[in-house]
PDB file of all heavy atoms in Angstrom:
ATOM      1  N   LYS A   1     -14.306 -13.894  10.525  1.00  0.00           N
ATOM      2  CA  LYS A   1     -13.389 -14.662   9.675  1.00  0.00           C
ATOM      3  C   LYS A   1     -12.325 -13.627   9.269  1.00  0.00           C
ATOM      4  O   LYS A   1     -11.169 -13.987   9.271  1.00  0.00           O
ATOM      5  CB  LYS A   1     -14.136 -15.004   8.552  1.00  0.00           C
ATOM      6  CG  LYS A   1     -14.985 -16.324   8.766  1.00  0.00           C
ATOM      7  CD  LYS A   1     -15.749 -16.757   7.482  1.00  0.00           C
ATOM      8  CE  LYS A   1     -16.539 -17.976   7.710  1.00  0.00           C
ATOM      9  NZ  LYS A   1     -17.153 -18.399   6.357  1.00  0.00           N
ATOM     10  N   MET A   2     -12.726 -12.391   8.861  1.00  0.00           N
ATOM     11  CA  MET A   2     -11.671 -11.378   8.542  1.00  0.00           C
ATOM     12  C   MET A   2     -10.591 -11.237   9.634  1.00  0.00           C
ATOM     13  O   MET A   2      -9.412 -11.127   9.449  1.00  0.00           O
ATOM     14  CB  MET A   2     -12.254 -10.038   8.275  1.00  0.00           C
ATOM     15  CG  MET A   2     -11.340  -9.044   7.745  1.00  0.00           C
ATOM     16  SD  MET A   2     -10.760  -9.424   6.125  1.00  0.00           S
ATOM     17  CE  MET A   2     -12.280  -9.154   5.113  1.00  0.00           C
ATOM     18  N   GLU A   3     -11.110 -11.004  10.919  1.00  0.00           N
ATOM     19  CA  GLU A   3     -10.152 -10.905  12.073  1.00  0.00           C
ATOM     20  C   GLU A   3      -9.279 -12.101  12.318  1.00  0.00           C
ATOM     21  O   GLU A   3      -8.004 -11.953  12.478  1.00  0.00           O
ATOM     22  CB  GLU A   3     -10.970 -10.638  13.302  1.00  0.00           C
ATOM     23  CG  GLU A   3     -11.695  -9.168  13.394  1.00  0.00           C
ATOM     24  CD  GLU A   3     -10.516  -8.101  13.248  1.00  0.00           C
ATOM     25  OE1 GLU A   3      -9.692  -7.984  13.957  1.00  0.00           O
ATOM     26  OE2 GLU A   3     -10.752  -7.272  12.247  1.00  0.00           O
ATOM     27  N   ASN A   4      -9.822 -13.303  12.171  1.00  0.00           N
ATOM     28  CA  ASN A   4      -9.073 -14.500  12.243  1.00  0.00           C
ATOM     29  C   ASN A   4      -8.016 -14.586  11.157  1.00  0.00           C
ATOM     30  O   ASN A   4      -6.903 -15.054  11.386  1.00  0.00           O
ATOM     31  CB  ASN A   4      -9.905 -15.789  12.343  1.00  0.00           C
ATOM     32  CG  ASN A   4     -10.769 -15.852  13.570  1.00  0.00           C
ATOM     33  OD1 ASN A   4     -10.362 -15.324  14.611  1.00  0.00           O
ATOM     34  ND2 ASN A   4     -11.896 -16.586  13.450  1.00  0.00           N
ATOM     35  N   SER A   5      -8.484 -14.230   9.929  1.00  0.00           N
ATOM     36  CA  SER A   5      -7.547 -14.176   8.814  1.00  0.00           C
ATOM     37  C   SER A   5      -6.355 -13.332   8.989  1.00  0.00           C
ATOM     38  O   SER A   5      -5.171 -13.555   8.760  1.00  0.00           O
ATOM     39  CB  SER A   5      -8.302 -13.856   7.546  1.00  0.00           C
ATOM     40  OG  SER A   5      -9.311 -14.922   7.276  1.00  0.00           O
ATOM     41  N   LYS A   6      -6.593 -12.106   9.565  1.00  0.00           N
ATOM     42  CA  LYS A   6      -5.529 -11.110   9.753  1.00  0.00           C
ATOM     43  C   LYS A   6      -4.574 -11.685  10.806  1.00  0.00           C
ATOM     44  O   LYS A   6      -3.349 -11.403  10.592  1.00  0.00           O
ATOM     45  CB  LYS A   6      -6.126  -9.689  10.190  1.00  0.00           C
ATOM     46  CG  LYS A   6      -6.889  -8.936   9.059  1.00  0.00           C
ATOM     47  CD  LYS A   6      -7.447  -7.676   9.514  1.00  0.00           C
ATOM     48  CE  LYS A   6      -8.084  -6.960   8.333  1.00  0.00           C
ATOM     49  NZ  LYS A   6      -8.658  -5.553   8.729  1.00  0.00           N
ATOM     50  N   LYS A   7      -5.019 -12.263  11.836  1.00  0.00           N
ATOM     51  CA  LYS A   7      -4.277 -12.819  12.866  1.00  0.00           C
ATOM     52  C   LYS A   7      -3.289 -13.949  12.203  1.00  0.00           C
ATOM     53  O   LYS A   7      -2.155 -13.957  12.485  1.00  0.00           O
ATOM     54  CB  LYS A   7      -4.998 -13.306  13.964  1.00  0.00           C
ATOM     55  CG  LYS A   7      -5.700 -12.264  14.962  1.00  0.00           C
ATOM     56  CD  LYS A   7      -6.571 -12.876  15.949  1.00  0.00           C
ATOM     57  CE  LYS A   7      -7.190 -11.719  16.781  1.00  0.00           C
ATOM     58  NZ  LYS A   7      -8.078 -12.244  17.847  1.00  0.00           N
ATOM     59  N   TYR A   8      -3.971 -14.714  11.423  1.00  0.00           N
ATOM     60  CA  TYR A   8      -3.198 -15.767  10.766  1.00  0.00           C
ATOM     61  C   TYR A   8      -2.041 -15.226   9.820  1.00  0.00           C
ATOM     62  O   TYR A   8      -0.953 -15.675   9.845  1.00  0.00           O
ATOM     63  CB  TYR A   8      -4.262 -16.671   9.848  1.00  0.00           C
ATOM     64  CG  TYR A   8      -3.560 -17.541   8.880  1.00  0.00           C
ATOM     65  CD1 TYR A   8      -2.839 -18.617   9.227  1.00  0.00           C
ATOM     66  CD2 TYR A   8      -3.672 -17.227   7.531  1.00  0.00           C
ATOM     67  CE1 TYR A   8      -2.275 -19.389   8.328  1.00  0.00           C
ATOM     68  CE2 TYR A   8      -3.192 -18.056   6.538  1.00  0.00           C
ATOM     69  CZ  TYR A   8      -2.472 -19.161   7.000  1.00  0.00           C
ATOM     70  OH  TYR A   8      -1.881 -19.974   5.978  1.00  0.00           O
ATOM     71  N   LEU A   9      -2.370 -14.155   9.117  1.00  0.00           N
ATOM     72  CA  LEU A   9      -1.448 -13.498   8.286  1.00  0.00           C
ATOM     73  C   LEU A   9      -0.389 -12.843   8.949  1.00  0.00           C
ATOM     74  O   LEU A   9       0.865 -12.813   8.578  1.00  0.00           O
ATOM     75  CB  LEU A   9      -2.102 -12.545   7.305  1.00  0.00           C
ATOM     76  CG  LEU A   9      -2.928 -13.239   6.292  1.00  0.00           C
ATOM     77  CD1 LEU A   9      -3.673 -12.410   5.287  1.00  0.00           C
ATOM     78  CD2 LEU A   9      -2.146 -14.279   5.414  1.00  0.00           C
ATOM     79  N   GLU A  10      -0.677 -12.223  10.112  1.00  0.00           N
ATOM     80  CA  GLU A  10       0.262 -11.684  11.033  1.00  0.00           C
ATOM     81  C   GLU A  10       1.317 -12.671  11.496  1.00  0.00           C
ATOM     82  O   GLU A  10       2.468 -12.382  11.587  1.00  0.00           O
ATOM     83  CB  GLU A  10      -0.312 -10.868  12.117  1.00  0.00           C
ATOM     84  CG  GLU A  10      -1.178  -9.633  11.783  1.00  0.00           C
ATOM     85  CD  GLU A  10      -2.006  -9.203  12.909  1.00  0.00           C
ATOM     86  OE1 GLU A  10      -2.003  -9.711  13.886  1.00  0.00           O
ATOM     87  OE2 GLU A  10      -2.722  -8.016  12.668  1.00  0.00           O
ATOM     88  N   HIS A  11       0.792 -13.785  11.871  1.00  0.00           N
ATOM     89  CA  HIS A  11       1.594 -14.892  12.338  1.00  0.00           C
ATOM     90  C   HIS A  11       2.502 -15.402  11.227  1.00  0.00           C
ATOM     91  O   HIS A  11       3.760 -15.722  11.478  1.00  0.00           O
ATOM     92  CB  HIS A  11       0.740 -16.060  12.842  1.00  0.00           C
ATOM     93  CG  HIS A  11       1.542 -17.244  13.158  1.00  0.00           C
ATOM     94  ND1 HIS A  11       2.433 -17.412  14.402  1.00  0.00           N
ATOM     95  CD2 HIS A  11       1.676 -18.489  12.579  1.00  0.00           C
ATOM     96  CE1 HIS A  11       2.918 -18.556  14.290  1.00  0.00           C
ATOM     97  NE2 HIS A  11       2.579 -19.330  13.265  1.00  0.00           N
ATOM     98  N   VAL A  12       2.030 -15.502   9.954  1.00  0.00           N
ATOM     99  CA  VAL A  12       2.774 -15.963   8.867  1.00  0.00           C
ATOM    100  C   VAL A  12       3.845 -14.912   8.571  1.00  0.00           C
ATOM    101  O   VAL A  12       4.941 -15.280   8.315  1.00  0.00           O
ATOM    102  CB  VAL A  12       1.856 -16.107   7.593  1.00  0.00           C
ATOM    103  CG1 VAL A  12       2.657 -16.427   6.342  1.00  0.00           C
ATOM    104  CG2 VAL A  12       0.884 -17.392   7.856  1.00  0.00           C
ATOM    105  N   ALA A  13       3.401 -13.639   8.645  1.00  0.00           N
ATOM    106  CA  ALA A  13       4.479 -12.667   8.335  1.00  0.00           C
ATOM    107  C   ALA A  13       5.656 -12.636   9.316  1.00  0.00           C
ATOM    108  O   ALA A  13       6.811 -12.475   8.975  1.00  0.00           O
ATOM    109  CB  ALA A  13       3.732 -11.351   8.249  1.00  0.00           C
ATOM    110  N   GLU A  14       5.348 -12.885  10.621  1.00  0.00           N
ATOM    111  CA  GLU A  14       6.420 -12.878  11.616  1.00  0.00           C
ATOM    112  C   GLU A  14       7.278 -14.153  11.333  1.00  0.00           C
ATOM    113  O   GLU A  14       8.482 -13.927  11.584  1.00  0.00           O
ATOM    114  CB  GLU A  14       5.717 -13.022  13.002  1.00  0.00           C
ATOM    115  CG  GLU A  14       4.971 -11.704  13.426  1.00  0.00           C
ATOM    116  CD  GLU A  14       4.345 -11.872  14.746  1.00  0.00           C
ATOM    117  OE1 GLU A  14       4.161 -13.102  15.299  1.00  0.00           O
ATOM    118  OE2 GLU A  14       3.651 -10.955  15.262  1.00  0.00           O
ATOM    119  N   MET A  15       6.711 -15.193  10.923  1.00  0.00           N
ATOM    120  CA  MET A  15       7.462 -16.407  10.703  1.00  0.00           C
ATOM    121  C   MET A  15       8.408 -16.165   9.431  1.00  0.00           C
ATOM    122  O   MET A  15       9.528 -16.520   9.533  1.00  0.00           O
ATOM    123  CB  MET A  15       6.603 -17.562  10.479  1.00  0.00           C
ATOM    124  CG  MET A  15       7.311 -18.957  10.246  1.00  0.00           C
ATOM    125  SD  MET A  15       7.554 -19.206   8.451  1.00  0.00           S
ATOM    126  CE  MET A  15       5.994 -19.386   7.720  1.00  0.00           C
ATOM    127  N   LEU A  16       7.741 -15.620   8.468  1.00  0.00           N
ATOM    128  CA  LEU A  16       8.615 -15.459   7.226  1.00  0.00           C
ATOM    129  C   LEU A  16       9.792 -14.437   7.482  1.00  0.00           C
ATOM    130  O   LEU A  16      10.884 -14.752   7.144  1.00  0.00           O
ATOM    131  CB  LEU A  16       7.806 -14.901   6.127  1.00  0.00           C
ATOM    132  CG  LEU A  16       6.747 -15.829   5.571  1.00  0.00           C
ATOM    133  CD1 LEU A  16       5.864 -15.145   4.493  1.00  0.00           C
ATOM    134  CD2 LEU A  16       7.375 -17.111   4.879  1.00  0.00           C
ATOM    135  N   TRP A  17       9.574 -13.366   8.189  1.00  0.00           N
ATOM    136  CA  TRP A  17      10.599 -12.323   8.526  1.00  0.00           C
ATOM    137  C   TRP A  17      11.693 -12.940   9.402  1.00  0.00           C
ATOM    138  O   TRP A  17      12.857 -12.670   9.223  1.00  0.00           O
ATOM    139  CB  TRP A  17       9.825 -11.188   9.089  1.00  0.00           C
ATOM    140  CG  TRP A  17      10.909  -9.894   9.117  1.00  0.00           C
ATOM    141  CD1 TRP A  17      11.604  -9.543  10.163  1.00  0.00           C
ATOM    142  CD2 TRP A  17      11.290  -9.285   7.960  1.00  0.00           C
ATOM    143  NE1 TRP A  17      12.554  -8.475   9.714  1.00  0.00           N
ATOM    144  CE2 TRP A  17      12.362  -8.222   8.323  1.00  0.00           C
ATOM    145  CE3 TRP A  17      10.991  -9.210   6.570  1.00  0.00           C
ATOM    146  CZ2 TRP A  17      12.912  -7.361   7.510  1.00  0.00           C
ATOM    147  CZ3 TRP A  17      11.575  -8.258   5.769  1.00  0.00           C
ATOM    148  CH2 TRP A  17      12.581  -7.388   6.244  1.00  0.00           C
ATOM    149  N   SER A  18      11.297 -13.724  10.447  1.00  0.00           N
ATOM    150  CA  SER A  18      12.157 -14.294  11.386  1.00  0.00           C
ATOM    151  C   SER A  18      13.167 -15.291  10.742  1.00  0.00           C
ATOM    152  O   SER A  18      14.299 -15.413  11.048  1.00  0.00           O
ATOM    153  CB  SER A  18      11.575 -14.882  12.613  1.00  0.00           C
ATOM    154  OG  SER A  18      10.806 -15.895  12.209  1.00  0.00           O
ATOM    155  N   LYS A  19      12.637 -15.968   9.764  1.00  0.00           N
ATOM    156  CA  LYS A  19      13.421 -17.076   9.042  1.00  0.00           C
ATOM    157  C   LYS A  19      14.164 -16.585   7.827  1.00  0.00           C
ATOM    158  O   LYS A  19      15.304 -16.938   7.514  1.00  0.00           O
ATOM    159  CB  LYS A  19      12.461 -18.064   8.442  1.00  0.00           C
ATOM    160  CG  LYS A  19      11.994 -19.071   9.534  1.00  0.00           C
ATOM    161  CD  LYS A  19      11.197 -20.340   8.839  1.00  0.00           C
ATOM    162  CE  LYS A  19      10.908 -21.295   9.959  1.00  0.00           C
ATOM    163  NZ  LYS A  19      10.487 -22.570   9.143  1.00  0.00           N
ATOM    164  N   HIS A  20      13.716 -15.497   7.189  1.00  0.00           N
ATOM    165  CA  HIS A  20      14.313 -15.102   5.949  1.00  0.00           C
ATOM    166  C   HIS A  20      14.736 -13.511   5.871  1.00  0.00           C
ATOM    167  O   HIS A  20      15.765 -13.287   5.211  1.00  0.00           O
ATOM    168  CB  HIS A  20      13.328 -15.321   4.722  1.00  0.00           C
ATOM    169  CG  HIS A  20      12.874 -16.672   4.633  1.00  0.00           C
ATOM    170  ND1 HIS A  20      13.751 -17.700   4.292  1.00  0.00           N
ATOM    171  CD2 HIS A  20      11.775 -17.267   4.949  1.00  0.00           C
ATOM    172  CE1 HIS A  20      13.047 -18.845   4.256  1.00  0.00           C
ATOM    173  NE2 HIS A  20      11.818 -18.599   4.617  1.00  0.00           N
ATOM    174  N   GLY A  21      14.026 -12.719   6.623  1.00  0.00           N
ATOM    175  CA  GLY A  21      14.578 -11.305   6.789  1.00  0.00           C
ATOM    176  C   GLY A  21      15.066 -10.616   5.560  1.00  0.00           C
ATOM    177  O   GLY A  21      14.258 -10.358   4.628  1.00  0.00           O
ATOM    178  N   GLU A  22      16.364 -10.387   5.484  1.00  0.00           N
ATOM    179  CA  GLU A  22      16.994  -9.786   4.346  1.00  0.00           C
ATOM    180  C   GLU A  22      16.934 -10.395   3.082  1.00  0.00           C
ATOM    181  O   GLU A  22      17.091  -9.843   1.966  1.00  0.00           O
ATOM    182  CB  GLU A  22      18.481  -9.624   4.643  1.00  0.00           C
ATOM    183  CG  GLU A  22      18.740  -8.783   6.061  1.00  0.00           C
ATOM    184  CD  GLU A  22      18.063  -7.440   5.978  1.00  0.00           C
ATOM    185  OE1 GLU A  22      18.173  -6.662   4.939  1.00  0.00           O
ATOM    186  OE2 GLU A  22      17.655  -6.843   7.030  1.00  0.00           O
ATOM    187  N   THR A  23      16.548 -11.761   3.026  1.00  0.00           N
ATOM    188  CA  THR A  23      16.524 -12.480   1.666  1.00  0.00           C
ATOM    189  C   THR A  23      15.099 -12.850   1.394  1.00  0.00           C
ATOM    190  O   THR A  23      14.755 -13.646   0.569  1.00  0.00           O
ATOM    191  CB  THR A  23      17.335 -13.739   1.708  1.00  0.00           C
ATOM    192  OG1 THR A  23      16.870 -14.595   2.803  1.00  0.00           O
ATOM    193  CG2 THR A  23      18.812 -13.365   1.973  1.00  0.00           C
ATOM    194  N   ILE A  24      14.133 -12.068   2.102  1.00  0.00           N
ATOM    195  CA  ILE A  24      12.728 -12.459   1.805  1.00  0.00           C
ATOM    196  C   ILE A  24      12.151 -12.199   0.365  1.00  0.00           C
ATOM    197  O   ILE A  24      11.334 -12.881  -0.147  1.00  0.00           O
ATOM    198  CB  ILE A  24      11.739 -11.536   2.773  1.00  0.00           C
ATOM    199  CG1 ILE A  24      10.482 -12.261   3.027  1.00  0.00           C
ATOM    200  CG2 ILE A  24      11.749 -10.131   2.372  1.00  0.00           C
ATOM    201  CD1 ILE A  24       9.657 -11.749   4.100  1.00  0.00           C
ATOM    202  N   GLU A  25      12.909 -11.387  -0.288  1.00  0.00           N
ATOM    203  CA  GLU A  25      12.583 -11.158  -1.765  1.00  0.00           C
ATOM    204  C   GLU A  25      12.846 -12.371  -2.723  1.00  0.00           C
ATOM    205  O   GLU A  25      12.327 -12.487  -3.733  1.00  0.00           O
ATOM    206  CB  GLU A  25      13.220  -9.983  -2.408  1.00  0.00           C
ATOM    207  CG  GLU A  25      14.806 -10.083  -2.499  1.00  0.00           C
ATOM    208  CD  GLU A  25      15.523  -9.677  -1.311  1.00  0.00           C
ATOM    209  OE1 GLU A  25      14.840  -9.453  -0.240  1.00  0.00           O
ATOM    210  OE2 GLU A  25      16.760  -9.479  -1.376  1.00  0.00           O
ATOM    211  N   ASP A  26      13.610 -13.351  -2.080  1.00  0.00           N
ATOM    212  CA  ASP A  26      13.910 -14.567  -2.918  1.00  0.00           C
ATOM    213  C   ASP A  26      12.913 -15.728  -2.740  1.00  0.00           C
ATOM    214  O   ASP A  26      12.870 -16.618  -3.461  1.00  0.00           O
ATOM    215  CB  ASP A  26      15.202 -15.237  -2.334  1.00  0.00           C
ATOM    216  CG  ASP A  26      16.347 -14.181  -2.586  1.00  0.00           C
ATOM    217  OD1 ASP A  26      16.338 -13.483  -3.710  1.00  0.00           O
ATOM    218  OD2 ASP A  26      17.378 -14.308  -1.877  1.00  0.00           O
ATOM    219  N   LEU A  27      11.864 -15.437  -1.958  1.00  0.00           N
ATOM    220  CA  LEU A  27      10.708 -16.441  -1.697  1.00  0.00           C
ATOM    221  C   LEU A  27       9.753 -16.283  -2.676  1.00  0.00           C
ATOM    222  O   LEU A  27       9.476 -15.352  -3.421  1.00  0.00           O
ATOM    223  CB  LEU A  27      10.176 -16.198  -0.253  1.00  0.00           C
ATOM    224  CG  LEU A  27      10.988 -16.201   0.894  1.00  0.00           C
ATOM    225  CD1 LEU A  27       9.979 -15.985   2.223  1.00  0.00           C
ATOM    226  CD2 LEU A  27      11.687 -17.450   1.098  1.00  0.00           C
ATOM    227  N   CYS A  28       9.056 -17.561  -2.972  1.00  0.00           N
ATOM    228  CA  CYS A  28       7.964 -17.597  -3.738  1.00  0.00           C
ATOM    229  C   CYS A  28       6.776 -17.897  -2.804  1.00  0.00           C
ATOM    230  O   CYS A  28       6.835 -19.037  -2.079  1.00  0.00           O
ATOM    231  CB  CYS A  28       8.177 -18.665  -4.842  1.00  0.00           C
ATOM    232  SG  CYS A  28       9.406 -18.311  -5.944  1.00  0.00           S
ATOM    233  N   ILE A  29       5.664 -17.219  -2.808  1.00  0.00           N
ATOM    234  CA  ILE A  29       4.539 -17.514  -2.020  1.00  0.00           C
ATOM    235  C   ILE A  29       3.312 -17.611  -2.841  1.00  0.00           C
ATOM    236  O   ILE A  29       2.875 -16.760  -3.600  1.00  0.00           O
ATOM    237  CB  ILE A  29       4.364 -16.303  -1.014  1.00  0.00           C
ATOM    238  CG1 ILE A  29       5.646 -16.357  -0.110  1.00  0.00           C
ATOM    239  CG2 ILE A  29       3.225 -16.667  -0.046  1.00  0.00           C
ATOM    240  CD1 ILE A  29       5.565 -15.118   0.880  1.00  0.00           C
ATOM    241  N   ILE A  30       2.681 -18.825  -2.821  1.00  0.00           N
ATOM    242  CA  ILE A  30       1.387 -19.023  -3.498  1.00  0.00           C
ATOM    243  C   ILE A  30       0.178 -18.794  -2.584  1.00  0.00           C
ATOM    244  O   ILE A  30       0.119 -19.440  -1.453  1.00  0.00           O
ATOM    245  CB  ILE A  30       1.394 -20.536  -4.051  1.00  0.00           C
ATOM    246  CG1 ILE A  30       2.423 -20.738  -4.971  1.00  0.00           C
ATOM    247  CG2 ILE A  30       0.015 -20.877  -4.611  1.00  0.00           C
ATOM    248  CD1 ILE A  30       3.753 -21.102  -4.447  1.00  0.00           C
ATOM    249  N   LEU A  31      -0.676 -17.995  -2.978  1.00  0.00           N
ATOM    250  CA  LEU A  31      -1.883 -17.543  -2.223  1.00  0.00           C
ATOM    251  C   LEU A  31      -3.163 -17.850  -3.003  1.00  0.00           C
ATOM    252  O   LEU A  31      -3.178 -17.785  -4.208  1.00  0.00           O
ATOM    253  CB  LEU A  31      -1.713 -15.990  -1.988  1.00  0.00           C
ATOM    254  CG  LEU A  31      -0.545 -15.587  -1.235  1.00  0.00           C
ATOM    255  CD1 LEU A  31      -0.389 -14.036  -1.373  1.00  0.00           C
ATOM    256  CD2 LEU A  31      -0.566 -15.938   0.223  1.00  0.00           C
ATOM    257  N   PRO A  32      -4.267 -17.987  -2.324  1.00  0.00           N
ATOM    258  CA  PRO A  32      -5.570 -18.234  -2.850  1.00  0.00           C
ATOM    259  C   PRO A  32      -6.325 -17.023  -3.452  1.00  0.00           C
ATOM    260  O   PRO A  32      -7.182 -17.225  -4.051  1.00  0.00           O
ATOM    261  CB  PRO A  32      -6.256 -18.938  -1.635  1.00  0.00           C
ATOM    262  CG  PRO A  32      -5.777 -18.358  -0.514  1.00  0.00           C
ATOM    263  CD  PRO A  32      -4.416 -18.074  -0.749  1.00  0.00           C
ATOM    264  N   SER A  33      -5.810 -15.917  -3.064  1.00  0.00           N
ATOM    265  CA  SER A  33      -6.631 -14.738  -3.533  1.00  0.00           C
ATOM    266  C   SER A  33      -5.686 -13.357  -3.537  1.00  0.00           C
ATOM    267  O   SER A  33      -4.745 -13.392  -2.800  1.00  0.00           O
ATOM    268  CB  SER A  33      -7.855 -14.394  -2.601  1.00  0.00           C
ATOM    269  OG  SER A  33      -7.384 -13.950  -1.466  1.00  0.00           O
TER     270      SER A  33
END
């Protein structure tokens, strides 16, 4: 589960950076933990 979660978050990180990059600090991200 941990390995799958890390892969999921790596995918999310790549998506966020590719879409927002230099303005990523303007985002709001709601997380469960």
